[in-house]
Protein backbone atom coordinates (compact mmCIF):
# COMPACT_ATOMS: atom_id res chain seq x y z
CA MET A 1 -28.68 137.33 -152.03
CA ILE A 2 -31.63 135.78 -150.13
CA ASN A 3 -33.63 137.79 -147.65
CA LEU A 4 -32.98 136.37 -144.21
CA GLY A 5 -35.63 138.52 -142.59
CA HIS A 6 -33.56 140.20 -139.89
CA GLY A 7 -33.68 143.78 -138.65
CA ALA A 8 -30.98 146.44 -139.18
CA ASN A 9 -31.64 146.92 -142.94
CA SER A 10 -31.47 150.73 -142.58
CA ALA A 11 -29.58 151.31 -145.84
CA GLU A 12 -32.09 149.32 -147.84
CA MET A 13 -35.11 151.01 -146.12
CA ALA A 14 -33.56 154.46 -146.66
CA ALA A 15 -33.20 153.78 -150.37
CA LEU A 16 -36.72 152.33 -150.59
CA TYR A 17 -38.41 155.36 -148.99
CA GLY A 18 -36.13 158.10 -150.41
CA LYS A 19 -34.47 158.85 -147.11
CA LYS A 20 -30.87 159.49 -146.08
CA GLN A 21 -29.60 156.66 -143.97
CA GLU A 22 -28.12 159.02 -141.36
CA GLU A 23 -31.59 160.55 -140.90
CA LEU A 24 -33.07 157.20 -139.71
CA ILE A 25 -33.34 156.21 -136.07
CA ASP A 26 -32.96 152.43 -136.08
CA PHE A 27 -35.15 150.75 -133.49
CA SER A 28 -35.11 147.49 -135.52
CA SER A 29 -31.69 146.43 -134.23
CA ASN A 30 -31.21 145.37 -130.56
CA ILE A 31 -27.85 147.06 -130.05
CA ASN A 32 -26.59 149.10 -127.10
CA PRO A 33 -26.50 152.72 -128.38
CA PHE A 34 -23.60 153.56 -126.06
CA MET A 35 -19.88 152.69 -126.46
CA SER A 36 -16.99 152.41 -124.06
CA GLU A 37 -14.94 155.60 -123.96
CA HIS A 38 -11.75 153.54 -123.68
CA LEU A 39 -12.20 152.39 -127.27
CA VAL A 40 -11.36 155.77 -128.68
CA ASN A 41 -7.85 155.70 -127.17
CA SER A 42 -7.28 152.11 -128.39
CA VAL A 43 -8.41 152.30 -132.00
CA GLN A 44 -5.01 153.49 -133.37
CA SER A 45 -3.18 150.68 -131.65
CA ALA A 46 -5.81 148.20 -132.78
CA LEU A 47 -5.42 149.36 -136.33
CA LYS A 48 -1.60 148.94 -136.09
CA SER A 49 -2.13 145.36 -134.79
CA CYS A 50 -3.88 144.55 -138.09
CA GLN A 51 -0.52 144.62 -139.86
CA ASN A 52 -0.05 141.13 -138.41
CA TYR A 53 -2.15 138.00 -138.65
CA PRO A 54 -4.31 137.34 -135.57
CA ASP A 55 -3.07 134.59 -133.28
CA ILE A 56 -4.48 131.46 -134.92
CA HIS A 57 -5.11 129.97 -131.44
CA TYR A 58 -6.51 133.24 -129.94
CA THR A 59 -4.58 132.56 -126.72
CA LYS A 60 -4.77 136.08 -125.23
CA LEU A 61 -8.34 136.55 -126.40
CA ARG A 62 -9.49 133.32 -124.75
CA GLU A 63 -7.54 134.14 -121.60
CA VAL A 64 -9.34 137.52 -121.28
CA LEU A 65 -12.72 135.91 -122.01
CA SER A 66 -12.07 133.22 -119.38
CA GLN A 67 -11.42 135.91 -116.76
CA TYR A 68 -14.54 137.77 -117.77
CA LEU A 69 -16.65 134.60 -117.60
CA SER A 70 -14.96 132.89 -114.70
CA CYS A 71 -14.33 129.72 -116.65
CA GLU A 72 -11.35 127.83 -118.09
CA MET A 73 -9.68 129.14 -121.21
CA LYS A 74 -9.80 125.69 -122.81
CA GLN A 75 -13.64 125.74 -122.61
CA ILE A 76 -13.95 128.73 -124.97
CA ILE A 77 -14.10 128.81 -128.78
CA PRO A 78 -14.13 132.32 -130.33
CA GLY A 79 -15.79 133.11 -133.64
CA ASN A 80 -16.81 135.71 -136.15
CA GLY A 81 -19.87 136.66 -134.18
CA ALA A 82 -22.19 134.35 -132.29
CA THR A 83 -23.52 133.25 -135.73
CA GLU A 84 -20.25 131.52 -136.63
CA ILE A 85 -20.34 129.57 -133.35
CA MET A 86 -23.93 128.52 -134.08
CA TYR A 87 -23.06 127.25 -137.54
CA LEU A 88 -19.94 125.42 -136.36
CA LEU A 89 -22.02 123.70 -133.72
CA MET A 90 -24.66 122.64 -136.24
CA LYS A 91 -22.01 121.31 -138.63
CA THR A 92 -20.59 119.25 -135.75
CA LEU A 93 -24.03 117.84 -134.77
CA GLY A 94 -24.81 117.20 -138.47
CA GLU A 95 -21.57 115.33 -138.94
CA SER A 96 -22.20 113.24 -135.87
CA SER A 97 -25.67 112.42 -137.16
CA ARG A 98 -24.32 111.27 -140.46
CA GLN A 99 -21.89 108.93 -138.74
CA LYS A 100 -24.67 107.43 -136.62
CA GLU A 101 -26.96 107.36 -139.68
CA GLU A 102 -29.83 108.94 -137.79
CA PRO A 103 -30.80 112.63 -137.73
CA PHE A 104 -30.14 114.71 -134.60
CA ARG A 105 -33.51 115.88 -133.32
CA LEU A 106 -33.16 119.53 -132.26
CA GLY A 107 -35.96 121.21 -130.27
CA ILE A 108 -36.26 124.97 -130.91
CA ILE A 109 -38.33 127.31 -128.70
CA ASN A 110 -40.40 129.59 -130.94
CA PRO A 111 -40.76 132.48 -131.61
CA THR A 112 -37.06 133.06 -131.69
CA PHE A 113 -34.02 134.01 -133.89
CA SER A 114 -34.44 132.29 -137.26
CA GLU A 115 -30.78 131.37 -137.74
CA TYR A 116 -31.15 128.56 -135.22
CA GLU A 117 -33.50 126.66 -137.50
CA ARG A 118 -31.75 127.72 -140.70
CA SER A 119 -28.30 126.59 -139.54
CA ALA A 120 -29.73 123.29 -138.23
CA LYS A 121 -31.61 122.47 -141.48
CA LEU A 122 -28.55 123.32 -143.63
CA ASN A 123 -26.73 120.62 -141.75
CA GLY A 124 -29.35 117.94 -141.91
CA LEU A 125 -30.83 118.16 -138.37
CA GLU A 126 -34.43 117.38 -137.70
CA ILE A 127 -36.39 120.29 -136.20
CA VAL A 128 -38.86 119.63 -133.33
CA PRO A 129 -40.71 122.94 -132.72
CA PHE A 130 -41.88 124.05 -129.28
CA GLN A 131 -44.28 126.99 -129.46
CA LEU A 132 -44.62 129.73 -126.82
CA LYS A 133 -48.07 131.38 -126.66
CA ALA A 134 -48.99 135.01 -126.48
CA SER A 135 -51.95 134.03 -124.31
CA THR A 136 -49.51 132.97 -121.53
CA GLU A 137 -47.18 135.95 -122.08
CA PHE A 138 -44.74 133.66 -123.88
CA ASP A 139 -43.97 131.78 -120.63
CA LEU A 140 -41.74 128.80 -121.08
CA GLU A 141 -43.94 126.41 -119.02
CA VAL A 142 -40.97 124.41 -117.80
CA GLU A 143 -42.76 121.31 -116.54
CA LYS A 144 -44.56 120.86 -119.90
CA LEU A 145 -41.22 121.19 -121.62
CA LYS A 146 -39.58 118.65 -119.42
CA ALA A 147 -42.34 116.15 -120.21
CA ARG A 148 -41.40 116.41 -123.92
CA LEU A 149 -37.64 116.08 -123.64
CA HIS A 150 -37.83 112.43 -124.71
CA GLU A 151 -38.82 113.69 -128.20
CA ILE A 152 -35.46 115.37 -128.81
CA ASP A 153 -31.68 114.90 -128.70
CA GLY A 154 -30.95 118.55 -127.99
CA LEU A 155 -32.68 121.83 -127.23
CA PHE A 156 -31.84 125.30 -128.52
CA ILE A 157 -33.15 128.23 -126.42
CA CYS A 158 -32.47 131.94 -126.40
CA ASN A 159 -32.22 133.44 -122.90
CA PRO A 160 -33.41 136.15 -122.65
CA ASN A 161 -35.48 135.24 -125.70
CA ASN A 162 -35.50 137.31 -128.89
CA PRO A 163 -38.12 138.69 -129.71
CA THR A 164 -40.18 138.23 -126.53
CA GLY A 165 -37.72 139.57 -123.98
CA ASN A 166 -38.46 136.86 -121.43
CA SER A 167 -35.73 135.45 -119.20
CA TYR A 168 -36.09 131.88 -118.02
CA SER A 169 -34.73 129.88 -115.09
CA LEU A 170 -33.18 126.90 -116.90
CA ALA A 171 -31.20 125.20 -114.15
CA SER A 172 -33.70 122.36 -113.61
CA ILE A 173 -33.97 121.79 -117.43
CA ALA A 174 -30.10 121.68 -117.58
CA LYS A 175 -30.05 119.21 -114.74
CA GLN A 176 -32.62 116.86 -116.40
CA MET A 177 -30.97 117.09 -119.78
CA GLU A 178 -27.59 116.30 -118.24
CA GLU A 179 -29.11 113.18 -116.65
CA MET A 180 -30.70 112.19 -119.97
CA GLN A 181 -27.48 112.88 -121.89
CA LYS A 182 -29.21 115.37 -124.16
CA LEU A 183 -27.57 118.61 -125.39
CA LEU A 184 -28.75 121.99 -124.09
CA ILE A 185 -27.72 124.98 -126.24
CA VAL A 186 -28.34 128.38 -124.68
CA ASP A 187 -27.89 131.67 -126.56
CA GLU A 188 -27.09 134.24 -123.86
CA THR A 189 -26.15 137.11 -126.19
CA PHE A 190 -28.60 139.43 -124.44
CA MET A 191 -27.87 138.20 -120.88
CA GLU A 192 -25.78 141.18 -119.79
CA PHE A 193 -28.79 143.48 -120.18
CA VAL A 194 -30.77 141.41 -117.58
CA GLU A 195 -31.03 143.08 -114.15
CA GLU A 196 -30.88 139.73 -112.34
CA GLU A 197 -28.22 138.17 -114.60
CA ALA A 198 -26.83 135.86 -111.91
CA LYS A 199 -30.29 134.35 -111.41
CA TYR A 200 -30.74 133.35 -115.01
CA SER A 201 -27.35 132.78 -116.63
CA LEU A 202 -26.16 129.14 -116.79
CA MET A 203 -22.48 130.08 -116.94
CA PRO A 204 -21.83 128.72 -113.38
CA LEU A 205 -23.02 125.28 -114.63
CA VAL A 206 -20.60 124.93 -117.54
CA GLN A 207 -17.93 123.07 -115.45
CA SER A 208 -20.34 120.50 -114.02
CA HIS A 209 -22.67 120.06 -117.01
CA ASN A 210 -21.00 118.27 -119.96
CA GLN A 211 -24.22 118.54 -122.04
CA LEU A 212 -24.34 122.29 -121.92
CA ILE A 213 -23.00 124.87 -124.39
CA ILE A 214 -23.53 128.60 -124.02
CA ILE A 215 -23.20 131.08 -126.90
CA LYS A 216 -22.34 134.70 -126.17
CA ALA A 217 -21.01 137.80 -127.98
CA VAL A 218 -19.79 141.36 -127.57
CA THR A 219 -22.26 142.44 -130.33
CA LYS A 220 -25.30 143.47 -128.26
CA PHE A 221 -24.23 144.68 -124.84
CA PHE A 222 -21.06 146.41 -125.96
CA GLY A 223 -22.73 148.02 -128.99
CA LEU A 224 -20.32 146.80 -131.66
CA PRO A 225 -22.06 144.39 -134.08
CA GLY A 226 -19.55 145.36 -136.77
CA LEU A 227 -16.69 144.03 -134.67
CA ARG A 228 -18.00 140.42 -135.15
CA LEU A 229 -16.86 138.69 -132.00
CA GLY A 230 -18.82 135.82 -130.53
CA TYR A 231 -17.79 132.77 -128.49
CA GLY A 232 -19.06 129.42 -127.33
CA VAL A 233 -18.40 128.05 -123.82
CA THR A 234 -18.61 124.33 -122.93
CA SER A 235 -16.80 121.65 -120.99
CA ASN A 236 -17.75 119.09 -123.67
CA LYS A 237 -14.43 118.16 -125.25
CA ASP A 238 -16.02 116.22 -128.14
CA LEU A 239 -18.14 119.25 -129.11
CA LEU A 240 -15.16 121.58 -129.02
CA ARG A 241 -13.03 119.15 -130.99
CA GLY A 242 -15.74 118.93 -133.64
CA MET A 243 -16.29 122.67 -133.85
CA TYR A 244 -12.52 123.36 -134.16
CA HIS A 245 -12.40 120.67 -136.88
CA PHE A 246 -14.77 122.79 -139.04
CA LYS A 247 -13.51 126.19 -137.98
CA GLU A 248 -11.66 128.13 -140.63
CA PRO A 249 -8.39 129.92 -139.53
CA TRP A 250 -8.35 133.55 -138.56
CA THR A 251 -12.10 134.15 -138.63
CA VAL A 252 -11.70 136.62 -135.74
CA ASN A 253 -9.95 139.70 -137.11
CA GLY A 254 -7.05 141.46 -135.43
CA PHE A 255 -9.17 144.52 -134.67
CA ALA A 256 -11.63 142.41 -132.64
CA GLU A 257 -8.85 140.47 -131.04
CA TYR A 258 -7.21 143.75 -129.83
CA LEU A 259 -10.32 145.66 -128.72
CA THR A 260 -12.23 142.90 -126.98
CA PRO A 261 -9.98 142.94 -123.87
CA VAL A 262 -10.49 146.72 -123.70
CA LEU A 263 -14.26 146.24 -123.69
CA LEU A 264 -14.27 143.44 -121.13
CA GLU A 265 -11.98 145.23 -118.75
CA ASP A 266 -14.09 148.41 -118.70
CA LYS A 267 -16.14 147.64 -115.61
CA VAL A 268 -17.37 151.24 -115.29
CA PHE A 269 -19.01 151.03 -118.71
CA GLN A 270 -20.60 147.72 -117.86
CA LYS A 271 -21.98 148.95 -114.57
CA LYS A 272 -23.39 152.23 -116.08
CA THR A 273 -24.93 150.37 -119.02
CA LYS A 274 -26.68 147.82 -116.79
CA ALA A 275 -28.06 150.63 -114.56
CA TYR A 276 -29.17 152.68 -117.53
CA PHE A 277 -31.13 149.89 -119.15
CA LYS A 278 -32.79 148.98 -115.82
CA GLU A 279 -34.15 152.50 -115.54
CA GLU A 280 -34.93 153.19 -119.26
CA ARG A 281 -36.60 149.80 -119.70
CA ASN A 282 -39.07 150.63 -116.86
CA HIS A 283 -39.66 154.10 -118.29
CA LEU A 284 -40.35 152.90 -121.80
CA LEU A 285 -42.60 150.05 -120.69
CA GLU A 286 -44.68 152.31 -118.44
CA ALA A 287 -45.08 154.94 -121.23
CA LEU A 288 -45.94 152.37 -123.83
CA LYS A 289 -48.51 150.69 -121.66
CA LYS A 290 -50.52 153.93 -121.55
CA LEU A 291 -51.38 153.48 -125.21
CA LYS A 292 -54.72 151.89 -125.62
CA ASN A 293 -54.41 150.38 -129.07
CA ILE A 294 -51.38 148.13 -128.32
CA LYS A 295 -50.43 145.28 -125.96
CA VAL A 296 -46.94 145.61 -124.56
CA TYR A 297 -45.16 142.48 -123.38
CA SER A 298 -42.84 142.69 -120.33
CA THR A 299 -39.17 142.36 -121.04
CA THR A 300 -35.86 141.80 -119.22
CA ALA A 301 -33.74 142.62 -122.28
CA ASN A 302 -32.98 145.72 -124.31
CA PHE A 303 -36.01 145.45 -126.66
CA VAL A 304 -39.82 145.31 -126.35
CA LEU A 305 -42.35 143.14 -128.18
CA ILE A 306 -45.59 144.92 -129.01
CA GLU A 307 -48.89 143.65 -130.40
CA LEU A 308 -50.93 146.16 -132.44
CA LYS A 309 -54.70 146.12 -132.12
CA ALA A 310 -55.85 148.55 -134.79
CA MET A 311 -53.35 148.20 -137.61
CA THR A 312 -50.76 145.78 -139.09
CA SER A 313 -47.04 145.83 -138.36
CA GLN A 314 -46.31 146.68 -142.02
CA GLU A 315 -48.69 149.63 -141.92
CA LEU A 316 -47.11 150.99 -138.76
CA LYS A 317 -43.57 150.41 -140.08
CA GLU A 318 -44.31 152.38 -143.21
CA GLN A 319 -45.94 155.29 -141.30
CA MET A 320 -43.12 155.42 -138.78
CA ILE A 321 -40.41 155.68 -141.44
CA ILE A 322 -42.29 158.09 -143.69
CA LYS A 323 -43.53 160.46 -141.05
CA HIS A 324 -40.88 160.18 -138.35
CA ASN A 325 -37.73 158.66 -139.86
CA ILE A 326 -38.02 155.79 -137.37
CA LEU A 327 -37.26 152.21 -138.39
CA ILE A 328 -38.97 149.46 -136.31
CA ARG A 329 -38.85 145.68 -136.65
CA ASP A 330 -41.82 144.06 -138.33
CA ALA A 331 -41.97 140.88 -136.19
CA SER A 332 -44.56 139.06 -138.22
CA ASN A 333 -41.99 136.68 -139.66
CA PHE A 334 -41.12 135.15 -136.30
CA LYS A 335 -42.72 131.72 -136.04
CA GLY A 336 -45.91 131.90 -134.05
CA LEU A 337 -46.33 135.68 -134.39
CA ASN A 338 -48.84 137.25 -136.76
CA LYS A 339 -49.01 140.49 -138.88
CA HIS A 340 -49.74 142.64 -135.82
CA PHE A 341 -46.46 142.18 -133.95
CA ILE A 342 -43.58 144.61 -133.86
CA ARG A 343 -40.32 144.77 -131.87
CA VAL A 344 -38.55 147.95 -130.85
CA ALA A 345 -35.07 148.37 -129.29
CA ILE A 346 -34.46 150.42 -126.17
CA LYS A 347 -32.05 153.26 -127.15
CA GLY A 348 -31.01 156.59 -125.70
CA LYS A 349 -33.54 158.67 -123.76
CA GLU A 350 -33.84 161.28 -126.53
CA ASP A 351 -34.51 158.68 -129.26
CA ASP A 352 -36.85 156.73 -127.00
CA ASP A 353 -38.92 159.89 -126.45
CA LYS A 354 -39.13 160.39 -130.24
CA LEU A 355 -40.35 156.83 -130.52
CA LEU A 356 -43.03 157.40 -127.90
CA LYS A 357 -44.13 160.65 -129.48
CA ALA A 358 -44.48 158.93 -132.90
CA MET A 359 -46.35 156.00 -131.41
CA TRP A 360 -48.76 158.32 -129.65
CA GLU A 361 -49.41 160.16 -132.87
CA ILE A 362 -49.96 157.08 -135.05
CA VAL A 363 -51.49 154.45 -132.76
CA GLY A 364 -52.50 156.34 -129.65
C-alpha cells in the first residue's frame, strides 16, 4: 500500500505510539462527531435490505437526493463516496483527451485535497497549479484567477476549501467559464457546515450552467465516512454519459442506499448541527487566537488551519498524542504549506476543551 498522506490514520498512530485506538481523540479527520438519532431505529431494516442487491440504477436514492438538492433526478450520479465520483470524472476527461489527442489542462487551486491531482494525473490530465498564499489569508483573488482562465480547459476547486476553511463566491467564475466553454468542478462536501450556505453554494446554477459539475457527499456533515455515499450533480449530459460508461455496477451498497434517505429527511438534525457548528466554530477560534505562539486562520467549515511559530507540526503532533492522546493533522504535505502547519477538526465541546487545554500546555 502507498501512503496517500490523508488524516484519520488513528489505528496506525495508536500502534506506533503504543496507545489503544479507543483512547485517542481524532482531530485529524473533518467529520461531524454527531449522528442522526433516527439512524438507530433504521439500522435493523437497513441490514435486512442488504439481503438483496441494491437497485443498479439507484432510482429511489437519486429521487431523494434530487428533493434534498432541489434539482432533477437525471442530473445526479451516485458513487462510493465523493472520491469515486472524482475518479469517474477524471477517467471521462482523460478518455476525451485521448480521443482529441491533446491533454486536458486542469487547473487546481492549492493547497487542497491531494486526490484531485492524483486522480487527474492517473488519467493523463495536465495539471496547471494555482497557488493560494498565506500572506493573503488564502484568499482566492478572483480577478487574478479570471485573467488566467485561458491557460486551462477546466478548474477544480474545493468550496469551502480543505485545509484552509475559506468559502468563495464563485458565481462570476462560473459565468465566465460557461461563456468560455470551460469546465468548472466544485467540491462542496463541506458546504453544509457553512453558515451562509446559500451565498456560496453553486447548486442553484446547475440547471443553467452546462459547464458545471458539483461533487457532494454524506460523509462529512452527516458524520458517516464509513457509509461511503457521494454524488455528482450536473446538467452536462456528455459528462454524465461518460461517467456512467466507466462506473462499475453496485458501487453504492444497500446499507447506504437505505440509510441515506433517513439522513436527508432528518431536518431537525441538520438544523441543530448547523447551529452547533456556528457557535462552536466561533468559540474555538476565539480561544485559539489567544495563544501567542500560533497563527489561526479564519474558517467557515468544521476545521481550523493553524500555523505554528515555535515548533514544527511533527513535533506538536508527537507531543499531542504522547501526552494527551490527541491526534491532529500534520498539514505540511499540502502543496504550498510548510512544516509549521497543522489542521484540527471542530468536535464536541468536551473534546474541543481538551484540545484547547493541550494546546495551551504545549504551545501557549
